[in-house]
Each structure stands twice: as C-alpha cells, then as structure tokens.
Amino acid sequence: MLGFCRRKLGPSPQTGLTTLGFVILITFIGVFIFGASRLLPAYLNHAKISGILEDVHLEFDKQRATGAAIRKSIDRRLQIETVNLVTSRDIKITSDSKKFLINTQYDHTAHFIGNLYFTSKFEKEVVILR
C-alpha cells in the first residue's frame, strides 16, 4: 500500500523554450524582419506610382487630353512624390481613337544577404477615355 502513495522524488519535467530554441526563434524572426525591411521601399514606391497613375486617370478621363499633357502631368507628379525607380520615359503611353493606355512595367532588385537578392516585378495599367 505504501507504493501507491509515493511520489517520485527528483527533478520535475520542465516545459517551455530552451535557450537554444529561443536563439533559433529570434534568428528566424530577425531574418524575416530584415528581408521585409529590404523589400518595403520597393512596395512603397510602387504604391506611389500606382497612386500617380490613378490620379492622372481621374484628372484626364473623358477630358480630351493629349499625350503630351498626360506625360507632363506624370513627370510633374513623379518629381513631387520623389520616385526614383521610374522616370516619365519608363511609362508607356499608347493611344487610339477612343482611349489612352498608360502602362508601366519595372523590376526592382534588393540585396539581401551575401549573394542572395530579392527581385520584385511590378506592373500597373490605366485606361483614359477620350
């Protein structure tokens, strides 16, 4: 009967994160945050460019605009927003009798670690009706 009441003496099993597990977790989170910090400027620039093209669309849609006026507006907005990845010459403006098609495609490569790079491809297209 005494055998049933006895508890095992000695160290109790511990649960939780070990120091090595904690270091691995912090390293993984740190690498992820570092990678995100390398990509964030490219996505912020893309948001600026998308906003510029949408603003040009709102300004010139159904207004009998010319290609030169559209390009001038885009160039002015790129300078105001301080976008360095794309110039107004990188944005293609094609036209037909009913509309202007404004299209931009560009790549951004960001250095990560050693010989690893992140390459992001961006594209935005806006149609302006005459």
C-alpha atoms as a PDB file:
ATOM      1  CA  MET A   1       0.000   0.000   0.000  1.00  0.00           C
ATOM      2  CA  LEU A   2       2.882   2.328   0.576  1.00  0.00           C
ATOM      3  CA  GLY A   3       3.918   2.017  -3.057  1.00  0.00           C
ATOM      4  CA  PHE A   4       0.801   3.754  -4.310  1.00  0.00           C
ATOM      5  CA  CYS A   5       1.254   6.879  -2.181  1.00  0.00           C
ATOM      6  CA  ARG A   6       4.865   7.538  -3.000  1.00  0.00           C
ATOM      7  CA  ARG A   7       5.770  10.302  -5.344  1.00  0.00           C
ATOM      8  CA  LYS A   8       8.846  10.191  -7.446  1.00  0.00           C
ATOM      9  CA  LEU A   9      11.489  12.426  -5.946  1.00  0.00           C
ATOM     10  CA  GLY A  10      13.896  14.353  -8.127  1.00  0.00           C
ATOM     11  CA  PRO A  11      13.687  16.968 -10.788  1.00  0.00           C
ATOM     12  CA  SER A  12      10.287  17.509 -12.288  1.00  0.00           C
ATOM     13  CA  PRO A  13       9.934  17.507 -16.080  1.00  0.00           C
ATOM     14  CA  GLN A  14      10.111  21.094 -17.316  1.00  0.00           C
ATOM     15  CA  THR A  15       8.276  22.546 -20.231  1.00  0.00           C
ATOM     16  CA  GLY A  16       8.980  25.711 -22.176  1.00  0.00           C
ATOM     17  CA  LEU A  17      11.513  27.169 -24.537  1.00  0.00           C
ATOM     18  CA  THR A  18      15.162  26.338 -24.104  1.00  0.00           C
ATOM     19  CA  THR A  19      17.899  28.885 -24.665  1.00  0.00           C
ATOM     20  CA  LEU A  20      18.874  27.270 -27.958  1.00  0.00           C
ATOM     21  CA  GLY A  21      15.272  27.228 -29.132  1.00  0.00           C
ATOM     22  CA  PHE A  22      14.905  30.870 -28.147  1.00  0.00           C
ATOM     23  CA  VAL A  23      18.037  31.848 -30.117  1.00  0.00           C
ATOM     24  CA  ILE A  24      16.815  29.969 -33.195  1.00  0.00           C
ATOM     25  CA  LEU A  25      13.394  31.620 -32.924  1.00  0.00           C
ATOM     26  CA  ILE A  26      14.876  35.123 -32.570  1.00  0.00           C
ATOM     27  CA  THR A  27      17.233  34.470 -35.501  1.00  0.00           C
ATOM     28  CA  PHE A  28      14.358  33.328 -37.716  1.00  0.00           C
ATOM     29  CA  ILE A  29      12.247  36.354 -36.788  1.00  0.00           C
ATOM     30  CA  GLY A  30      15.238  38.678 -37.312  1.00  0.00           C
ATOM     31  CA  VAL A  31      15.952  37.313 -40.799  1.00  0.00           C
ATOM     32  CA  PHE A  32      12.280  37.706 -41.720  1.00  0.00           C
ATOM     33  CA  ILE A  33      12.185  41.312 -40.472  1.00  0.00           C
ATOM     34  CA  PHE A  34      15.445  42.126 -42.272  1.00  0.00           C
ATOM     35  CA  GLY A  35      14.067  40.726 -45.539  1.00  0.00           C
ATOM     36  CA  ALA A  36      10.861  42.705 -45.133  1.00  0.00           C
ATOM     37  CA  SER A  37      12.859  45.872 -44.492  1.00  0.00           C
ATOM     38  CA  ARG A  38      14.750  45.315 -47.747  1.00  0.00           C
ATOM     39  CA  LEU A  39      11.512  44.896 -49.753  1.00  0.00           C
ATOM     40  CA  LEU A  40       9.421  47.604 -48.105  1.00  0.00           C
ATOM     41  CA  PRO A  41      10.895  50.583 -50.061  1.00  0.00           C
ATOM     42  CA  ALA A  42      10.105  48.918 -53.399  1.00  0.00           C
ATOM     43  CA  TYR A  43       6.495  48.328 -52.433  1.00  0.00           C
ATOM     44  CA  LEU A  44       6.144  51.874 -51.093  1.00  0.00           C
ATOM     45  CA  ASN A  45       7.469  53.230 -54.413  1.00  0.00           C
ATOM     46  CA  HIS A  46       5.009  51.015 -56.290  1.00  0.00           C
ATOM     47  CA  ALA A  47       2.191  52.407 -54.174  1.00  0.00           C
ATOM     48  CA  LYS A  48       3.316  55.942 -55.098  1.00  0.00           C
ATOM     49  CA  ILE A  49       3.461  55.072 -58.803  1.00  0.00           C
ATOM     50  CA  SER A  50       0.034  53.421 -58.689  1.00  0.00           C
ATOM     51  CA  GLY A  51      -1.358  56.481 -56.946  1.00  0.00           C
ATOM     52  CA  ILE A  52       0.166  58.773 -59.565  1.00  0.00           C
ATOM     53  CA  LEU A  53      -1.355  56.801 -62.437  1.00  0.00           C
ATOM     54  CA  GLU A  54      -4.751  56.710 -60.716  1.00  0.00           C
ATOM     55  CA  ASP A  55      -4.592  60.475 -60.136  1.00  0.00           C
ATOM     56  CA  VAL A  56      -3.733  61.044 -63.801  1.00  0.00           C
ATOM     57  CA  HIS A  57      -6.678  58.847 -64.725  1.00  0.00           C
ATOM     58  CA  LEU A  58      -9.006  60.944 -62.558  1.00  0.00           C
ATOM     59  CA  GLU A  59      -7.590  64.178 -63.965  1.00  0.00           C
ATOM     60  CA  PHE A  60      -7.771  63.343 -67.679  1.00  0.00           C
ATOM     61  CA  ASP A  61     -10.526  60.741 -68.078  1.00  0.00           C
ATOM     62  CA  LYS A  62     -13.089  61.964 -70.659  1.00  0.00           C
ATOM     63  CA  GLN A  63     -11.354  65.358 -70.893  1.00  0.00           C
ATOM     64  CA  ARG A  64      -9.970  65.253 -74.485  1.00  0.00           C
ATOM     65  CA  ALA A  65      -6.410  65.138 -73.210  1.00  0.00           C
ATOM     66  CA  THR A  66      -3.274  64.914 -75.320  1.00  0.00           C
ATOM     67  CA  GLY A  67      -0.410  62.501 -74.835  1.00  0.00           C
ATOM     68  CA  ALA A  68       1.967  65.382 -74.138  1.00  0.00           C
ATOM     69  CA  ALA A  69      -0.286  66.772 -71.395  1.00  0.00           C
ATOM     70  CA  ILE A  70      -0.570  63.337 -69.798  1.00  0.00           C
ATOM     71  CA  ARG A  71       3.203  62.814 -69.899  1.00  0.00           C
ATOM     72  CA  LYS A  72       3.819  66.292 -68.442  1.00  0.00           C
ATOM     73  CA  SER A  73       1.396  65.581 -65.602  1.00  0.00           C
ATOM     74  CA  ILE A  74       3.049  62.232 -64.885  1.00  0.00           C
ATOM     75  CA  ASP A  75       6.518  63.814 -64.916  1.00  0.00           C
ATOM     76  CA  ARG A  76       5.422  66.575 -62.538  1.00  0.00           C
ATOM     77  CA  ARG A  77       3.828  64.082 -60.152  1.00  0.00           C
ATOM     78  CA  LEU A  78       6.895  61.810 -60.182  1.00  0.00           C
ATOM     79  CA  GLN A  79       9.056  64.776 -59.174  1.00  0.00           C
ATOM     80  CA  ILE A  80       6.673  65.836 -56.419  1.00  0.00           C
ATOM     81  CA  GLU A  81       6.457  62.302 -54.992  1.00  0.00           C
ATOM     82  CA  THR A  82      10.266  61.831 -55.359  1.00  0.00           C
ATOM     83  CA  VAL A  83      10.004  58.490 -57.129  1.00  0.00           C
ATOM     84  CA  ASN A  84      13.473  57.322 -58.190  1.00  0.00           C
ATOM     85  CA  LEU A  85      12.764  53.883 -59.635  1.00  0.00           C
ATOM     86  CA  VAL A  86      10.762  55.066 -62.642  1.00  0.00           C
ATOM     87  CA  THR A  87      11.018  58.142 -64.851  1.00  0.00           C
ATOM     88  CA  SER A  88       8.282  59.515 -67.062  1.00  0.00           C
ATOM     89  CA  ARG A  89      10.066  57.958 -70.065  1.00  0.00           C
ATOM     90  CA  ASP A  90       9.680  54.499 -68.499  1.00  0.00           C
ATOM     91  CA  ILE A  91       5.910  54.872 -68.589  1.00  0.00           C
ATOM     92  CA  LYS A  92       4.468  53.920 -71.965  1.00  0.00           C
ATOM     93  CA  ILE A  93       1.536  55.911 -73.307  1.00  0.00           C
ATOM     94  CA  THR A  94      -0.226  54.420 -76.318  1.00  0.00           C
ATOM     95  CA  SER A  95      -3.324  55.855 -77.905  1.00  0.00           C
ATOM     96  CA  ASP A  96      -6.049  55.046 -80.362  1.00  0.00           C
ATOM     97  CA  SER A  97      -9.127  56.963 -81.400  1.00  0.00           C
ATOM     98  CA  LYS A  98     -11.051  56.289 -78.172  1.00  0.00           C
ATOM     99  CA  LYS A  99      -8.541  55.973 -75.356  1.00  0.00           C
ATOM    100  CA  PHE A 100      -5.039  56.313 -73.967  1.00  0.00           C
ATOM    101  CA  LEU A 101      -3.400  53.262 -72.426  1.00  0.00           C
ATOM    102  CA  ILE A 102      -0.813  54.125 -69.779  1.00  0.00           C
ATOM    103  CA  ASN A 103       1.383  51.194 -68.783  1.00  0.00           C
ATOM    104  CA  THR A 104       4.464  50.788 -66.664  1.00  0.00           C
ATOM    105  CA  GLN A 105       6.474  47.638 -66.020  1.00  0.00           C
ATOM    106  CA  TYR A 106       9.657  47.587 -63.991  1.00  0.00           C
ATOM    107  CA  ASP A 107      11.777  45.330 -61.817  1.00  0.00           C
ATOM    108  CA  HIS A 108      13.371  46.132 -58.513  1.00  0.00           C
ATOM    109  CA  THR A 109      16.264  44.095 -57.139  1.00  0.00           C
ATOM    110  CA  ALA A 110      17.209  44.437 -53.483  1.00  0.00           C
ATOM    111  CA  HIS A 111      20.314  42.892 -51.934  1.00  0.00           C
ATOM    112  CA  PHE A 112      19.510  40.524 -49.080  1.00  0.00           C
ATOM    113  CA  ILE A 113      22.488  38.618 -47.623  1.00  0.00           C
ATOM    114  CA  GLY A 114      25.730  37.644 -49.346  1.00  0.00           C
ATOM    115  CA  ASN A 115      24.888  36.669 -52.896  1.00  0.00           C
ATOM    116  CA  LEU A 116      21.116  36.492 -52.301  1.00  0.00           C
ATOM    117  CA  TYR A 117      18.849  39.093 -53.866  1.00  0.00           C
ATOM    118  CA  PHE A 118      15.126  39.755 -53.914  1.00  0.00           C
ATOM    119  CA  THR A 119      13.697  40.662 -57.315  1.00  0.00           C
ATOM    120  CA  SER A 120      10.226  42.136 -57.473  1.00  0.00           C
ATOM    121  CA  LYS A 121       8.330  42.719 -60.717  1.00  0.00           C
ATOM    122  CA  PHE A 122       5.736  45.453 -60.814  1.00  0.00           C
ATOM    123  CA  GLU A 123       3.128  46.378 -63.423  1.00  0.00           C
ATOM    124  CA  LYS A 124       0.389  48.983 -63.487  1.00  0.00           C
ATOM    125  CA  GLU A 125      -2.001  49.860 -66.306  1.00  0.00           C
ATOM    126  CA  VAL A 126      -4.560  52.657 -66.568  1.00  0.00           C
ATOM    127  CA  VAL A 127      -7.023  53.437 -69.374  1.00  0.00           C
ATOM    128  CA  ILE A 128      -8.026  57.038 -70.029  1.00  0.00           C
ATOM    129  CA  LEU A 129     -11.056  57.520 -72.253  1.00  0.00           C
ATOM    130  CA  ARG A 130     -11.117  60.485 -74.604  1.00  0.00           C
END
